[in-house]
Protein backbone atom coordinates (compact mmCIF):
# COMPACT_ATOMS: atom_id res chain seq x y z
CA MET A 1 145.27 76.00 5.12
CA ASN A 2 146.11 78.36 7.96
CA PRO A 3 145.88 82.17 7.54
CA LEU A 4 149.54 82.61 6.61
CA GLU A 5 149.36 79.86 3.99
CA LEU A 6 146.26 81.51 2.50
CA LEU A 7 148.02 84.86 2.33
CA ILE A 8 151.16 83.34 0.79
CA ALA A 9 149.12 81.55 -1.88
CA LYS A 10 147.35 84.77 -2.84
CA GLN A 11 150.57 86.79 -2.94
CA GLU A 12 152.32 84.21 -5.10
CA ARG A 13 149.54 84.63 -7.61
CA LEU A 14 150.32 88.36 -7.74
CA ARG A 15 154.06 87.63 -8.00
CA LYS A 16 153.43 85.67 -11.20
CA ILE A 17 152.66 89.04 -12.80
CA SER A 18 155.90 90.52 -11.43
CA SER A 19 158.42 89.03 -9.03
CA ALA A 20 159.06 92.59 -7.84
CA TYR A 21 156.05 92.27 -5.55
CA PRO A 22 157.21 91.23 -2.07
CA VAL A 23 156.93 87.74 -0.65
CA ALA A 24 154.27 87.28 2.01
CA ASN A 25 156.08 85.97 5.08
CA SER A 26 154.02 87.21 8.01
CA LEU A 27 150.45 87.84 9.08
CA PRO A 28 149.02 91.36 9.25
CA LYS A 29 149.65 93.45 12.33
CA GLU A 30 145.92 93.83 12.89
CA ALA A 31 144.20 91.12 14.92
CA ILE A 32 142.49 88.27 13.08
CA THR A 33 138.97 88.80 14.38
CA TYR A 34 137.11 86.55 11.98
CA GLN A 35 138.04 83.04 10.85
CA THR A 36 136.23 80.14 9.21
CA ASP A 37 137.62 76.73 8.29
CA GLY A 38 139.06 78.14 5.06
CA ALA A 39 139.15 81.94 5.34
CA PHE A 40 140.19 84.76 7.65
CA LEU A 41 139.92 88.52 8.10
CA ALA A 42 141.89 91.00 10.17
CA PRO A 43 139.50 93.95 9.63
CA VAL A 44 140.72 97.44 8.85
CA TYR A 45 138.65 100.54 9.61
CA LYS A 46 139.37 103.84 7.84
CA ASP A 47 138.40 107.49 8.17
CA GLU A 48 134.60 107.74 8.20
CA LYS A 49 134.59 111.21 6.62
CA THR A 50 135.94 109.65 3.44
CA TRP A 51 134.62 106.10 3.55
CA GLY A 52 131.50 106.25 5.73
CA SER A 53 131.13 103.73 8.56
CA ASN A 54 133.38 101.06 7.10
CA CYS A 55 135.04 97.68 7.31
CA TRP A 56 137.80 96.67 4.89
CA PHE A 57 139.03 93.35 3.55
CA THR A 58 142.40 94.74 2.40
CA HIS A 59 144.67 92.61 0.21
CA ALA A 60 147.11 91.86 3.03
CA ASN A 61 144.47 91.35 5.71
CA TRP A 62 142.28 88.59 4.40
CA GLY A 63 142.52 85.31 2.57
CA SER A 64 140.31 82.44 1.44
CA GLN A 65 140.86 79.02 -0.06
CA SER A 66 137.69 79.14 -2.15
CA SER A 67 134.92 81.45 -3.26
CA SER A 68 132.40 79.55 -1.16
CA GLU A 69 134.53 80.14 1.94
CA SER A 70 134.68 83.83 1.06
CA LYS A 71 130.90 83.97 1.08
CA LYS A 72 130.78 82.29 4.48
CA LEU A 73 133.37 84.72 5.80
CA PHE A 74 131.54 87.82 4.59
CA THR A 75 128.23 86.54 5.97
CA GLU A 76 129.79 86.16 9.40
CA VAL A 77 131.61 89.50 9.24
CA ALA A 78 128.61 91.44 7.93
CA ALA A 79 126.27 90.10 10.62
CA VAL A 80 128.55 91.32 13.40
CA GLU A 81 129.75 94.57 11.81
CA PHE A 82 126.24 95.64 10.82
CA GLU A 83 125.15 95.43 14.45
CA LYS A 84 128.10 97.72 15.28
CA GLY A 85 126.81 100.33 12.82
CA ILE A 86 128.99 99.50 9.81
CA ARG A 87 127.25 100.27 6.52
CA ASN A 88 130.10 100.21 3.97
CA PHE A 89 132.17 97.15 3.14
CA TYR A 90 135.24 97.21 0.91
CA VAL A 91 137.19 94.23 -0.41
CA GLU A 92 140.37 94.05 -2.52
CA ILE A 93 140.61 91.14 -4.94
CA LEU A 94 143.22 90.12 -7.50
CA ALA A 95 141.96 91.13 -10.93
CA ASP A 96 142.68 87.77 -12.56
CA ASP A 97 140.75 85.80 -9.92
CA LEU A 98 137.47 85.78 -11.83
CA GLU A 99 135.81 83.13 -9.68
CA GLU A 100 136.53 85.13 -6.53
CA LEU A 101 135.26 88.33 -8.12
CA GLN A 102 132.06 86.60 -9.20
CA SER A 103 131.39 85.39 -5.66
CA TRP A 104 131.52 88.95 -4.35
CA TYR A 105 129.28 90.22 -7.15
CA GLU A 106 126.78 87.62 -5.97
CA LEU A 107 127.06 89.14 -2.49
CA GLY A 108 125.96 92.52 -3.85
CA PHE A 109 129.35 94.17 -4.36
CA GLY A 110 130.29 96.38 -7.32
CA GLN A 111 133.61 97.51 -8.75
CA GLN A 112 134.97 100.82 -7.50
CA HIS A 113 138.74 101.16 -7.95
CA ALA A 114 141.55 99.46 -9.85
CA SER A 115 145.31 99.24 -9.51
CA GLY A 116 147.63 98.46 -12.38
CA LEU A 117 151.24 97.60 -13.21
CA LEU A 118 152.91 98.85 -16.39
CA THR A 119 153.87 95.89 -18.58
CA ALA A 120 154.60 97.59 -21.91
CA LEU A 121 154.45 101.32 -22.60
CA ALA A 122 152.39 102.00 -25.74
CA PRO A 123 153.58 104.60 -28.26
CA THR A 124 151.95 108.03 -28.04
CA LYS A 125 152.02 111.26 -30.02
CA THR A 126 150.79 114.82 -29.59
CA ASP A 127 151.40 118.26 -31.02
CA ALA A 128 151.18 119.80 -27.54
CA LEU A 129 154.38 121.02 -25.93
CA ILE A 130 155.39 118.71 -23.10
CA ARG A 131 157.88 120.05 -20.58
CA SER A 132 158.96 119.90 -16.97
CA ALA A 133 156.96 122.13 -14.64
CA SER A 134 158.39 124.91 -12.47
CA VAL A 135 157.31 127.28 -9.72
CA THR A 136 156.09 129.79 -12.34
CA ASP A 137 153.46 127.26 -13.47
CA ILE A 138 151.63 127.01 -10.15
CA ALA A 139 148.51 128.93 -11.20
CA GLY A 140 148.09 126.80 -14.33
CA ILE A 141 148.83 123.61 -12.42
CA ILE A 142 146.14 124.31 -9.83
CA LYS A 143 143.58 125.05 -12.54
CA VAL A 144 144.21 121.69 -14.18
CA GLU A 145 144.69 119.65 -11.01
CA ARG A 146 141.25 120.62 -9.68
CA GLU A 147 139.62 119.18 -12.77
CA LEU A 148 140.16 115.59 -11.63
CA ALA A 149 138.14 116.04 -8.45
CA LEU A 150 135.50 118.08 -10.26
CA HIS A 151 135.20 115.42 -12.98
CA GLN A 152 134.88 112.59 -10.45
CA MET A 153 132.24 114.38 -8.39
CA LYS A 154 129.90 114.08 -11.40
CA ALA A 155 128.11 111.06 -12.86
CA PRO A 156 128.92 108.24 -13.10
CA VAL A 157 131.68 108.38 -10.45
CA PHE A 158 129.95 110.50 -7.78
CA SER A 159 133.11 110.77 -5.67
CA ALA A 160 132.81 112.59 -2.35
CA VAL A 161 136.38 113.91 -2.60
CA GLN A 162 136.38 117.69 -2.97
CA PRO A 163 139.04 119.75 -4.79
CA ASP A 164 141.83 120.95 -2.51
CA ASP A 165 141.80 124.51 -1.23
CA GLU A 166 143.55 126.62 -3.87
CA ASN A 167 145.69 128.57 -1.40
CA GLU A 168 146.80 125.40 0.35
CA SER A 169 147.57 123.81 -3.02
CA ALA A 170 149.63 126.82 -4.05
CA ASN A 171 151.66 126.61 -0.86
CA ASP A 172 152.18 122.87 -1.28
CA TRP A 173 153.35 123.27 -4.88
CA ARG A 174 155.66 126.14 -3.99
CA GLU A 175 157.20 124.06 -1.21
CA LEU A 176 157.66 121.13 -3.59
CA PHE A 177 159.34 123.16 -6.33
CA GLU A 178 161.64 124.84 -3.81
CA SER A 179 162.66 121.53 -2.17
CA GLU A 180 165.85 119.72 -3.09
CA ASN A 181 165.31 117.67 -6.25
CA GLN A 182 161.56 118.39 -5.98
CA ASP A 183 161.35 115.78 -3.22
CA GLY A 184 161.77 113.08 -5.85
CA PHE A 185 158.69 114.07 -7.85
CA VAL A 186 158.65 114.17 -11.66
CA VAL A 187 156.16 116.89 -12.62
CA LYS A 188 155.31 117.69 -16.23
CA VAL A 189 152.75 119.84 -18.01
CA ALA A 190 151.42 120.03 -21.56
CA GLU A 191 150.94 123.40 -23.26
CA VAL A 192 148.77 124.44 -26.20
CA ASN A 193 149.20 128.01 -27.43
CA GLY A 194 150.95 128.94 -24.20
CA GLU A 195 148.18 127.56 -21.95
CA ILE A 196 148.77 124.68 -19.53
CA VAL A 197 146.13 122.14 -20.55
CA ALA A 198 147.33 118.97 -18.81
CA LEU A 199 149.28 117.92 -15.71
CA SER A 200 150.92 114.67 -14.70
CA TYR A 201 153.33 113.66 -11.99
CA GLY A 202 154.91 110.60 -10.46
CA VAL A 203 157.06 109.66 -7.50
CA SER A 204 158.51 106.67 -5.67
CA THR A 205 155.89 104.33 -4.20
CA GLU A 206 157.66 104.91 -0.89
CA LYS A 207 155.49 108.04 -0.76
CA SER A 208 152.28 106.16 -1.62
CA SER A 209 149.86 104.89 1.00
CA LEU A 210 147.81 102.98 -1.59
CA HIS A 211 150.72 101.10 -3.18
CA SER A 212 152.20 99.86 0.07
CA GLY A 213 153.06 96.64 1.86
CA LEU A 214 152.40 93.57 -0.29
CA LEU A 215 151.15 95.85 -3.09
CA ARG A 216 154.41 97.80 -3.42
CA PRO A 217 156.80 96.31 -6.00
CA GLU A 218 160.49 96.62 -5.26
CA ASN A 219 162.16 99.69 -6.82
CA SER A 220 158.87 101.09 -8.09
CA ALA A 221 157.28 104.47 -8.77
CA THR A 222 153.66 105.48 -9.08
CA LEU A 223 152.07 107.55 -11.81
CA ALA A 224 150.25 109.50 -9.13
CA HIS A 225 148.23 112.01 -11.14
CA ALA A 226 147.16 112.83 -14.68
CA THR A 227 144.53 115.38 -15.67
CA THR A 228 143.63 117.19 -18.87
CA LEU A 229 141.31 120.17 -19.20
CA PRO A 230 137.91 119.02 -20.55
CA LYS A 231 138.12 120.73 -23.98
CA TYR A 232 141.46 119.04 -24.70
CA ARG A 233 140.49 115.48 -23.75
CA GLY A 234 140.41 112.73 -26.33
CA LYS A 235 143.33 114.17 -28.30
CA GLY A 236 146.09 111.96 -26.90
CA ILE A 237 147.64 114.75 -24.82
CA GLY A 238 147.12 113.04 -21.48
CA LYS A 239 148.61 109.74 -22.63
CA ALA A 240 151.64 111.44 -24.18
CA LEU A 241 152.18 113.49 -21.03
CA ALA A 242 151.87 110.44 -18.75
CA SER A 243 154.27 108.58 -21.02
CA ALA A 244 156.82 111.39 -20.63
CA VAL A 245 156.53 111.21 -16.84
CA ILE A 246 156.93 107.42 -16.94
CA ASN A 247 160.04 107.66 -19.11
CA ASP A 248 161.60 110.16 -16.68
CA LEU A 249 160.79 107.90 -13.73
CA LYS A 250 162.44 104.97 -15.50
CA GLY A 251 165.37 107.24 -16.32
CA ASN A 252 165.65 107.88 -12.58
CA GLY A 253 166.18 104.16 -12.05
CA PHE A 254 162.73 102.84 -11.19
CA LYS A 255 162.11 99.38 -12.66
CA GLU A 256 158.36 99.08 -12.08
CA ILE A 257 155.59 101.65 -12.55
CA VAL A 258 152.16 101.37 -10.94
CA THR A 259 149.04 103.49 -11.00
CA ASP A 260 145.40 103.35 -9.91
CA TRP A 261 142.07 104.75 -11.04
CA ARG A 262 138.34 104.88 -10.31
CA ILE A 263 136.70 102.24 -12.47
CA THR A 264 133.61 104.41 -12.97
CA ASN A 265 135.87 107.15 -14.35
CA GLN A 266 135.39 105.94 -17.90
CA LEU A 267 138.24 108.06 -19.28
CA SER A 268 140.75 106.49 -16.89
CA SER A 269 139.41 102.96 -17.37
CA VAL A 270 140.09 103.26 -21.10
CA THR A 271 143.30 105.32 -21.02
CA TRP A 272 145.51 103.42 -18.59
CA PRO A 273 145.06 99.90 -20.02
CA LYS A 274 145.63 101.35 -23.52
CA LEU A 275 148.85 102.97 -22.31
CA GLY A 276 150.09 99.59 -21.12
CA PHE A 277 148.93 99.08 -17.54
CA LYS A 278 147.74 95.59 -16.62
CA THR A 279 145.02 95.61 -13.97
CA THR A 280 146.33 93.78 -10.91
CA LEU A 281 143.83 94.52 -8.14
CA ILE A 282 140.17 95.53 -7.99
CA ARG A 283 138.49 97.14 -5.02
CA LEU A 284 134.82 96.32 -4.61
CA HIS A 285 132.29 98.20 -2.47
CA ARG A 286 128.91 97.44 -0.98
CA ALA A 287 126.82 100.07 0.80
CA LEU A 288 123.98 98.95 3.04
């Protein structure tokens, strides 16, 4: 199979989950630098401040006809990229391709991030007040929003992503609330005794860099953020709030809802599948 045929075959597997995912009809814009008899890679390199010295096998930029060919491909890529100073390799694999996943585990990779598609929204309930957010909520929003980064900086996630500057966040939120139709965002908060204890928002995937290209379903929105203050976690508030955001997004005409989460964030890895998200893609990482 040639590179385009490999990419088409992989994408059709994703389209069995939802036909809203686009058809693969062209090769990636990046150059195909590596190719074996049954696999190819057009490597992608991302910001080193976030990802370290890196080389990516993104979903749309690589393909393989078998797990053994994938191993051959990585061996060739790693030998060359290591000599160039690359020490972090990332690969995106369809979640239901267990044989492919196993081959990368055997190469020393571990799970890092997951993407999911909503298939059936589970019922939720909470006594917290759930409402749309406004410009008067900015201070409470920032307090809650920071908790995601702070949570993921700790074990077992150990994310390097720092909380945003509070002044910059305040300006960004003020600009959003003052924009026409909130720039398409659905922003909701949960209150307990007058205190904002949870935040969630969603928007069209047209504004998402992660859910893009072959990973962007037609007419879709992303549940982009959901955080609950630590003392209120485990009470169903976050799921009920996310559900309210999802229902508003669907009310705005979006047919498909996607989200993503750090797999080592154990709260997220339990919450989103329980809410009804089917894992579609898994990002693996190996650091040398």
